[in-house]
N, C-alpha and C. Protein backbone atom coordinates (compact mmCIF):
# COMPACT_ATOMS: atom_id res chain seq x y z
N UNK A 1 109.52 110.56 107.61
CA UNK A 1 109.47 109.75 108.82
C UNK A 1 108.11 109.35 109.19
N UNK A 2 108.40 107.81 109.82
CA UNK A 2 108.06 107.06 109.98
C UNK A 2 107.31 107.32 111.57
N UNK A 3 106.23 107.02 111.44
CA UNK A 3 105.69 107.13 113.23
C UNK A 3 104.58 106.50 113.02
N UNK A 4 104.65 106.33 114.60
CA UNK A 4 103.39 105.02 115.12
C UNK A 4 102.64 105.46 116.85
N UNK A 5 101.35 105.46 116.96
CA UNK A 5 100.98 105.83 118.18
C UNK A 5 100.17 104.58 118.74
N UNK A 6 100.29 103.46 119.22
CA UNK A 6 99.35 102.46 119.85
C UNK A 6 98.70 102.74 121.46
N UNK A 7 97.49 102.58 121.73
CA UNK A 7 97.08 103.04 122.70
C UNK A 7 95.99 102.37 122.64
N UNK A 8 94.88 101.84 123.97
CA UNK A 8 93.96 101.13 124.17
C UNK A 8 92.92 102.55 124.88
N UNK A 9 91.60 101.89 124.41
CA UNK A 9 90.54 102.93 125.37
C UNK A 9 89.80 102.26 125.93
N UNK A 10 89.36 102.54 127.26
CA UNK A 10 88.03 101.74 127.94
C UNK A 10 86.85 101.98 126.97
N UNK A 11 85.66 101.17 127.04
CA UNK A 11 85.05 101.13 125.99
C UNK A 11 84.22 102.11 126.53
N UNK A 12 84.06 103.48 125.74
CA UNK A 12 83.27 104.19 126.75
C UNK A 12 83.24 105.43 125.83
N UNK A 13 82.11 105.51 125.16
CA UNK A 13 82.21 106.68 124.33
C UNK A 13 82.13 108.00 124.60
N UNK A 14 82.30 108.69 125.98
CA UNK A 14 82.99 109.72 126.29
C UNK A 14 84.56 109.67 126.03
N UNK A 15 85.20 108.67 125.74
CA UNK A 15 86.22 108.63 125.43
C UNK A 15 86.94 109.25 123.85
N UNK A 16 86.04 109.20 123.02
CA UNK A 16 86.10 109.29 121.75
C UNK A 16 87.16 110.75 121.56
N UNK A 17 85.87 111.37 122.04
CA UNK A 17 86.74 112.84 121.88
C UNK A 17 88.10 113.21 121.89
N UNK A 18 88.57 112.65 123.16
CA UNK A 18 89.85 113.37 123.64
C UNK A 18 90.57 112.18 122.52
N UNK A 19 90.19 110.95 122.30
CA UNK A 19 91.23 110.13 121.82
C UNK A 19 91.56 110.88 119.97
N UNK A 20 90.32 111.27 119.68
CA UNK A 20 90.48 111.42 118.24
C UNK A 20 91.80 112.93 118.39
N UNK A 21 90.79 113.49 119.36
CA UNK A 21 91.93 114.91 119.51
C UNK A 21 93.23 114.64 119.74
N UNK A 22 93.90 113.48 120.56
CA UNK A 22 95.07 113.28 120.97
C UNK A 22 95.69 112.73 119.47
N UNK A 23 95.38 111.96 118.67
CA UNK A 23 95.72 111.21 117.20
C UNK A 23 95.81 112.82 116.42
N UNK A 24 95.17 113.12 116.33
CA UNK A 24 95.34 114.40 115.44
C UNK A 24 96.04 115.70 115.69
N UNK A 25 96.02 115.48 117.17
CA UNK A 25 96.74 117.04 117.72
C UNK A 25 98.44 116.07 117.60
N UNK A 26 98.79 115.18 116.95
CA UNK A 26 99.96 114.86 117.06
C UNK A 26 100.47 115.16 116.08
N UNK A 27 100.05 115.23 114.75
CA UNK A 27 100.10 115.32 113.37
C UNK A 27 100.36 116.93 113.23
N UNK A 28 101.57 117.01 112.41
CA UNK A 28 101.77 118.35 112.20
C UNK A 28 100.79 118.99 110.72
N UNK A 29 100.51 119.78 111.12
CA UNK A 29 99.28 120.08 109.40
C UNK A 29 100.02 121.57 108.96
N UNK A 30 99.65 120.98 107.52
CA UNK A 30 99.96 122.36 106.72
C UNK A 30 98.60 122.63 105.86
N UNK A 31 98.20 123.41 105.08
CA UNK A 31 97.04 123.92 104.88
C UNK A 31 96.27 122.78 104.43
N UNK A 32 96.84 122.11 103.61
CA UNK A 32 95.67 121.10 102.68
C UNK A 32 95.61 120.09 103.46
N UNK A 33 96.66 119.53 104.41
CA UNK A 33 96.67 118.34 105.17
C UNK A 33 95.61 118.31 106.58
N UNK A 34 95.63 120.11 106.84
CA UNK A 34 94.72 120.19 107.59
C UNK A 34 93.35 120.03 107.81
N UNK A 35 93.22 120.38 106.09
CA UNK A 35 91.52 120.28 105.87
C UNK A 35 91.06 118.62 106.27
N UNK A 36 92.15 117.87 105.58
CA UNK A 36 91.76 116.43 105.50
C UNK A 36 92.09 115.75 106.95
N UNK A 37 92.70 116.30 107.74
CA UNK A 37 92.61 115.88 108.99
C UNK A 37 91.80 116.28 109.58
N UNK A 38 90.95 117.65 109.73
CA UNK A 38 90.39 117.92 110.43
C UNK A 38 88.69 117.52 110.58
N UNK A 39 88.94 117.18 109.00
CA UNK A 39 87.05 116.57 108.67
C UNK A 39 87.39 115.14 108.20
N UNK A 40 87.91 114.87 107.17
CA UNK A 40 88.18 113.46 106.76
C UNK A 40 88.37 112.54 107.87
N UNK A 41 89.44 112.60 108.41
CA UNK A 41 90.03 111.38 109.06
C UNK A 41 89.21 111.92 110.47
N UNK A 42 88.69 112.91 111.21
CA UNK A 42 88.26 113.03 112.36
C UNK A 42 86.85 112.67 112.42
N UNK A 43 86.13 112.79 111.28
CA UNK A 43 84.87 111.95 110.88
C UNK A 43 85.11 110.35 111.11
N UNK A 44 85.77 110.13 110.11
CA UNK A 44 85.82 108.39 109.95
C UNK A 44 86.34 107.93 111.35
N UNK A 45 87.22 108.65 111.57
CA UNK A 45 87.83 107.73 113.53
C UNK A 45 86.92 108.11 114.33
N UNK A 46 86.52 108.66 114.11
CA UNK A 46 84.87 109.17 115.26
C UNK A 46 83.95 107.48 115.03
N UNK A 47 83.66 107.66 113.66
CA UNK A 47 82.62 106.92 113.37
C UNK A 47 83.58 105.18 113.74
N UNK A 48 84.70 105.07 113.60
CA UNK A 48 85.39 103.80 113.91
C UNK A 48 85.23 103.16 115.32
N UNK A 49 85.37 104.24 116.35
CA UNK A 49 85.82 103.89 117.43
C UNK A 49 84.41 103.54 117.86
N UNK A 50 83.38 104.96 117.71
CA UNK A 50 81.57 104.43 117.91
C UNK A 50 81.43 103.23 117.73
N UNK A 51 81.73 102.49 116.47
CA UNK A 51 81.29 101.54 115.90
C UNK A 51 81.75 100.26 116.93
N UNK A 52 83.39 100.25 117.07
CA UNK A 52 83.55 99.35 118.07
C UNK A 52 83.15 99.50 119.55
N UNK A 53 83.09 100.25 120.01
CA UNK A 53 82.67 100.56 121.25
C UNK A 53 80.78 100.09 121.29
N UNK A 54 80.19 100.69 120.40
CA UNK A 54 78.44 100.45 120.31
C UNK A 54 78.12 99.02 120.09
N UNK A 55 78.72 98.74 118.59
CA UNK A 55 78.27 97.39 117.80
C UNK A 55 79.73 96.22 118.27
N UNK A 56 80.62 96.81 118.11
CA UNK A 56 81.38 95.45 118.07
C UNK A 56 82.05 94.85 119.63
N UNK A 57 82.31 96.23 120.59
CA UNK A 57 82.20 95.58 122.38
C UNK A 57 80.59 95.34 122.02
N UNK A 58 79.55 95.71 122.16
CA UNK A 58 78.64 95.95 122.89
C UNK A 58 78.00 96.69 124.35
N UNK A 59 78.83 97.81 123.97
CA UNK A 59 78.51 98.54 125.03
C UNK A 59 79.38 98.13 126.32
N UNK A 60 79.93 96.89 126.33
CA UNK A 60 80.17 96.09 127.41
C UNK A 60 81.34 96.92 128.40
N UNK A 61 81.51 97.60 129.37
CA UNK A 61 82.58 98.26 130.31
C UNK A 61 83.72 97.35 130.30
N UNK A 62 83.30 96.37 130.70
CA UNK A 62 84.93 95.54 130.76
C UNK A 62 85.65 95.21 129.63
N UNK A 63 85.05 95.86 128.18
CA UNK A 63 85.95 95.87 126.98
C UNK A 63 86.68 96.81 126.58
N UNK A 64 87.60 96.84 125.79
CA UNK A 64 88.74 97.63 125.57
C UNK A 64 88.44 97.59 124.04
N UNK A 65 89.25 99.13 123.16
CA UNK A 65 89.13 99.60 122.02
C UNK A 65 90.55 99.33 121.65
N UNK A 66 91.03 98.60 120.97
CA UNK A 66 92.77 98.94 120.32
C UNK A 66 93.02 100.31 119.59
N UNK A 67 93.77 101.09 119.43
CA UNK A 67 93.82 101.97 118.72
C UNK A 67 95.47 101.94 118.01
N UNK A 68 95.71 101.78 116.48
CA UNK A 68 96.87 101.51 116.10
C UNK A 68 97.21 102.41 114.99
N UNK A 69 98.10 103.87 115.22
CA UNK A 69 98.36 104.84 114.22
C UNK A 69 99.27 104.77 113.74
N UNK A 70 99.65 104.54 112.27
CA UNK A 70 101.13 104.87 111.50
C UNK A 70 101.05 105.96 110.64
N UNK A 71 102.13 106.68 110.68
CA UNK A 71 102.41 107.63 109.58
C UNK A 71 103.60 107.14 108.77
N UNK A 72 103.48 106.79 107.51
CA UNK A 72 104.32 106.15 106.94
C UNK A 72 104.04 106.56 105.41
N UNK A 73 105.35 107.45 105.19
CA UNK A 73 105.62 108.23 104.11
C UNK A 73 104.59 109.28 103.67
N UNK A 74 103.50 109.14 102.78
CA UNK A 74 102.79 110.54 102.94
C UNK A 74 101.05 109.51 102.96
N UNK A 75 100.81 108.66 103.65
CA UNK A 75 100.07 107.94 104.63
C UNK A 75 99.40 108.00 105.99
N UNK A 76 98.79 108.04 105.84
CA UNK A 76 98.20 107.86 107.69
C UNK A 76 97.83 107.01 107.46
N UNK A 77 97.38 106.11 108.86
CA UNK A 77 96.95 104.66 108.48
C UNK A 77 96.47 104.60 110.25
N UNK A 78 95.19 104.31 110.33
CA UNK A 78 94.69 104.03 111.72
C UNK A 78 93.86 102.87 111.54
N UNK A 79 94.26 101.78 112.91
CA UNK A 79 93.49 100.59 113.05
C UNK A 79 92.21 100.58 114.17
N UNK A 80 91.44 100.51 114.39
CA UNK A 80 90.69 100.00 115.63
C UNK A 80 90.28 98.67 115.75
N UNK A 81 90.20 98.47 116.41
CA UNK A 81 90.68 96.69 116.89
C UNK A 81 89.31 96.69 117.85
N UNK A 82 88.20 96.08 117.99
CA UNK A 82 87.35 96.11 119.10
C UNK A 82 87.18 94.06 119.47
N UNK A 83 87.24 94.16 120.56
CA UNK A 83 87.19 92.67 121.26
C UNK A 83 85.65 91.85 120.89
N UNK A 84 84.89 92.39 120.23
CA UNK A 84 83.73 91.64 119.76
C UNK A 84 83.76 90.33 119.02
N UNK A 85 82.95 89.82 118.82
CA UNK A 85 82.94 88.47 117.84
C UNK A 85 82.81 89.00 116.52
N UNK A 86 82.38 90.31 115.88
CA UNK A 86 82.75 90.27 114.37
C UNK A 86 81.39 90.74 113.97
N UNK A 87 81.69 91.10 112.58
CA UNK A 87 80.19 91.28 111.50
C UNK A 87 80.52 90.92 110.07
N UNK A 88 79.75 90.81 109.63
CA UNK A 88 79.66 90.45 108.30
C UNK A 88 78.95 91.51 107.62
N UNK A 89 80.48 92.51 106.89
CA UNK A 89 80.09 93.42 106.62
C UNK A 89 78.97 93.58 104.86
N UNK A 90 78.56 92.37 104.19
CA UNK A 90 78.04 92.38 103.79
C UNK A 90 76.46 92.78 103.91
N UNK A 91 76.47 92.34 105.30
CA UNK A 91 75.08 92.21 105.93
C UNK A 91 74.63 93.82 105.99
N UNK A 92 75.20 94.39 106.19
CA UNK A 92 74.91 96.23 106.30
C UNK A 92 74.02 96.85 105.55
N UNK A 93 73.43 97.19 105.56
CA UNK A 93 72.53 97.77 104.48
C UNK A 93 73.22 99.41 103.53
N UNK A 94 72.87 99.79 102.62
CA UNK A 94 73.27 100.83 102.14
C UNK A 94 72.43 102.14 102.44
N UNK A 95 72.96 102.49 103.03
CA UNK A 95 72.30 103.59 103.26
C UNK A 95 71.42 104.67 102.49
N UNK A 96 72.23 104.38 101.52
CA UNK A 96 71.87 105.54 100.44
C UNK A 96 70.61 105.24 99.68
N UNK A 97 70.43 103.75 100.04
CA UNK A 97 69.03 102.80 99.01
C UNK A 97 67.53 103.30 99.20
N UNK A 98 66.58 103.81 98.62
CA UNK A 98 65.48 104.31 99.06
C UNK A 98 64.70 103.22 100.06
N UNK A 99 65.46 102.11 100.39
CA UNK A 99 64.28 101.33 101.07
C UNK A 99 64.94 101.53 102.49
N UNK A 100 66.47 102.51 102.58
CA UNK A 100 66.75 102.04 103.87
C UNK A 100 67.21 104.02 104.06
N UNK A 101 66.81 104.84 103.51
CA UNK A 101 67.17 106.20 103.76
C UNK A 101 66.20 106.53 104.99
N UNK A 102 65.52 105.45 105.80
CA UNK A 102 64.83 105.77 107.60
C UNK A 102 65.57 104.95 107.97
N UNK A 103 66.63 103.98 107.95
CA UNK A 103 66.98 103.39 108.77
C UNK A 103 68.20 103.81 109.20
N UNK A 104 68.49 103.75 110.82
CA UNK A 104 70.13 104.52 111.05
C UNK A 104 71.14 103.13 110.80
N UNK A 105 71.32 102.16 110.47
CA UNK A 105 71.98 101.34 110.34
C UNK A 105 72.97 101.52 108.78
N UNK A 106 74.54 101.59 108.64
CA UNK A 106 74.84 101.29 107.78
C UNK A 106 75.78 103.02 107.50
N UNK A 107 75.60 103.79 108.21
CA UNK A 107 76.14 105.69 107.83
C UNK A 107 77.18 105.77 108.45
N UNK A 108 77.98 104.92 109.52
CA UNK A 108 78.99 105.26 109.93
C UNK A 108 79.74 104.33 108.55
N UNK A 109 79.96 103.26 108.39
CA UNK A 109 81.29 102.48 107.56
C UNK A 109 80.28 103.37 106.06
N UNK A 110 79.35 104.23 105.43
CA UNK A 110 79.14 104.54 104.38
C UNK A 110 80.15 105.91 104.50
N UNK A 111 79.86 106.53 105.37
CA UNK A 111 80.94 107.72 105.74
C UNK A 111 82.36 107.57 105.66
N UNK A 112 82.86 106.71 106.02
CA UNK A 112 84.67 106.28 106.14
C UNK A 112 84.40 105.99 104.85
N UNK A 113 83.93 105.13 104.08
CA UNK A 113 84.37 105.00 102.93
C UNK A 113 84.49 106.12 101.95
N UNK A 114 83.41 106.90 102.06
CA UNK A 114 83.57 108.16 101.44
C UNK A 114 84.60 109.46 101.41
N UNK A 115 85.15 109.36 102.80
CA UNK A 115 85.96 110.43 103.57
C UNK A 115 87.54 109.81 103.60
N UNK A 116 87.64 108.62 103.49
CA UNK A 116 88.64 108.55 103.47
C UNK A 116 89.62 107.65 101.88
N UNK A 117 90.73 107.03 101.77
CA UNK A 117 90.95 107.02 100.53
C UNK A 117 91.13 105.56 100.74
N UNK A 118 91.26 105.14 101.58
CA UNK A 118 90.78 103.36 101.30
C UNK A 118 90.22 102.96 103.27
N UNK A 119 89.52 102.03 102.47
CA UNK A 119 89.15 101.26 104.24
C UNK A 119 89.13 99.68 103.84
N UNK A 120 89.30 99.12 104.95
CA UNK A 120 89.25 97.71 104.84
C UNK A 120 89.10 97.25 106.36
N UNK A 121 88.23 96.03 106.37
CA UNK A 121 87.64 95.42 107.86
C UNK A 121 88.30 93.81 107.26
N UNK A 122 88.94 93.22 108.82
CA UNK A 122 89.58 92.33 108.56
C UNK A 122 88.62 91.00 108.40
N UNK A 123 89.12 89.88 108.06
CA UNK A 123 87.93 88.89 107.76
C UNK A 123 87.04 88.67 108.72
N UNK A 124 87.88 88.78 110.04
CA UNK A 124 86.69 88.44 111.30
C UNK A 124 85.36 89.74 111.42
N UNK A 125 86.19 90.47 110.98
CA UNK A 125 85.18 92.06 111.29
C UNK A 125 85.25 92.77 112.56
N UNK A 126 86.34 92.18 113.08
CA UNK A 126 86.08 93.11 114.65
C UNK A 126 87.37 94.19 114.22
N UNK A 127 87.86 94.48 113.21
CA UNK A 127 88.75 95.54 113.05
C UNK A 127 88.77 96.21 111.62
N UNK A 128 88.77 97.26 111.50
CA UNK A 128 89.07 98.26 110.33
C UNK A 128 89.94 99.23 110.54
N UNK A 129 90.67 99.32 109.40
CA UNK A 129 92.19 100.03 108.84
C UNK A 129 91.32 101.26 108.22
N UNK A 130 91.79 102.28 108.23
CA UNK A 130 90.80 103.82 107.67
C UNK A 130 93.10 104.26 107.09
N UNK A 131 92.61 104.68 105.86
CA UNK A 131 93.87 104.96 105.31
C UNK A 131 93.22 106.47 104.52
N UNK A 132 94.02 107.58 104.98
CA UNK A 132 94.47 108.86 104.40
C UNK A 132 95.45 109.16 103.78
N UNK A 133 95.97 109.33 102.45
CA UNK A 133 96.78 109.66 101.46
C UNK A 133 96.94 111.45 101.72
N UNK A 134 98.23 111.88 102.15
CA UNK A 134 98.23 112.90 102.87
C UNK A 134 99.24 113.93 101.41
N UNK A 135 98.86 115.00 100.88
CA UNK A 135 99.72 115.96 100.17
C UNK A 135 101.16 115.95 100.34
N UNK A 136 101.85 115.70 101.84
CA UNK A 136 103.57 115.84 102.27
C UNK A 136 103.33 114.58 103.22
N UNK A 137 104.32 114.89 103.68
CA UNK A 137 104.58 113.82 104.48
C UNK A 137 104.52 114.41 105.89
N UNK A 138 104.00 114.49 107.23
CA UNK A 138 103.38 115.18 108.35
C UNK A 138 103.77 114.27 109.37
N UNK A 139 104.89 114.76 110.26
CA UNK A 139 105.62 113.95 111.47
C UNK A 139 104.69 113.79 112.60
N UNK A 140 104.18 113.40 113.07
CA UNK A 140 103.38 112.75 114.62
C UNK A 140 104.29 113.34 115.46
N UNK A 141 103.97 114.37 115.99
CA UNK A 141 104.84 114.89 117.10
C UNK A 141 104.44 114.04 118.48
N UNK A 142 106.00 114.06 119.09
CA UNK A 142 106.23 113.36 120.66
C UNK A 142 105.63 114.49 121.62
N UNK A 143 105.28 113.98 122.45
CA UNK A 143 105.23 114.62 123.54
C UNK A 143 105.42 113.62 125.01
N UNK A 144 106.07 114.86 125.80
CA UNK A 144 106.37 114.01 126.96
C UNK A 144 105.74 113.05 128.14
N UNK A 145 104.32 113.65 127.83
CA UNK A 145 102.98 113.18 128.96
C UNK A 145 102.62 112.05 127.54
N UNK A 146 102.60 112.10 126.67
CA UNK A 146 101.81 111.09 126.21
C UNK A 146 102.16 109.52 126.57
């Protein structure tokens, strides 16, 4: 069964943990899916939200971050969109290169690429799409207060 969640967050780093829990909490978990959600998705989604708020929106409290999450078949897809001007991903340093080991830049994108099955950025560079393939379809639970 296909399910979707769409919501916006204020550009406030303190909202990240609750947003991640909100999304993960709506995915029923089997043992294998639970591990992938608890670690791979949680870390990647947290990094995407933090990058959107810090770099994309420049910590501007007047801006927002849009989140679109969809479960289609056996794939969990999360898209994070900021209101910034975007970036050129070709300019992000490889954090594993010896000359960049001490530099903080690029680690979030590196983690997303390693932990998710697919990671895409839009051409403008203000949206990232994270895709995690699940071993079996897991419905997103709906709650009256959501």
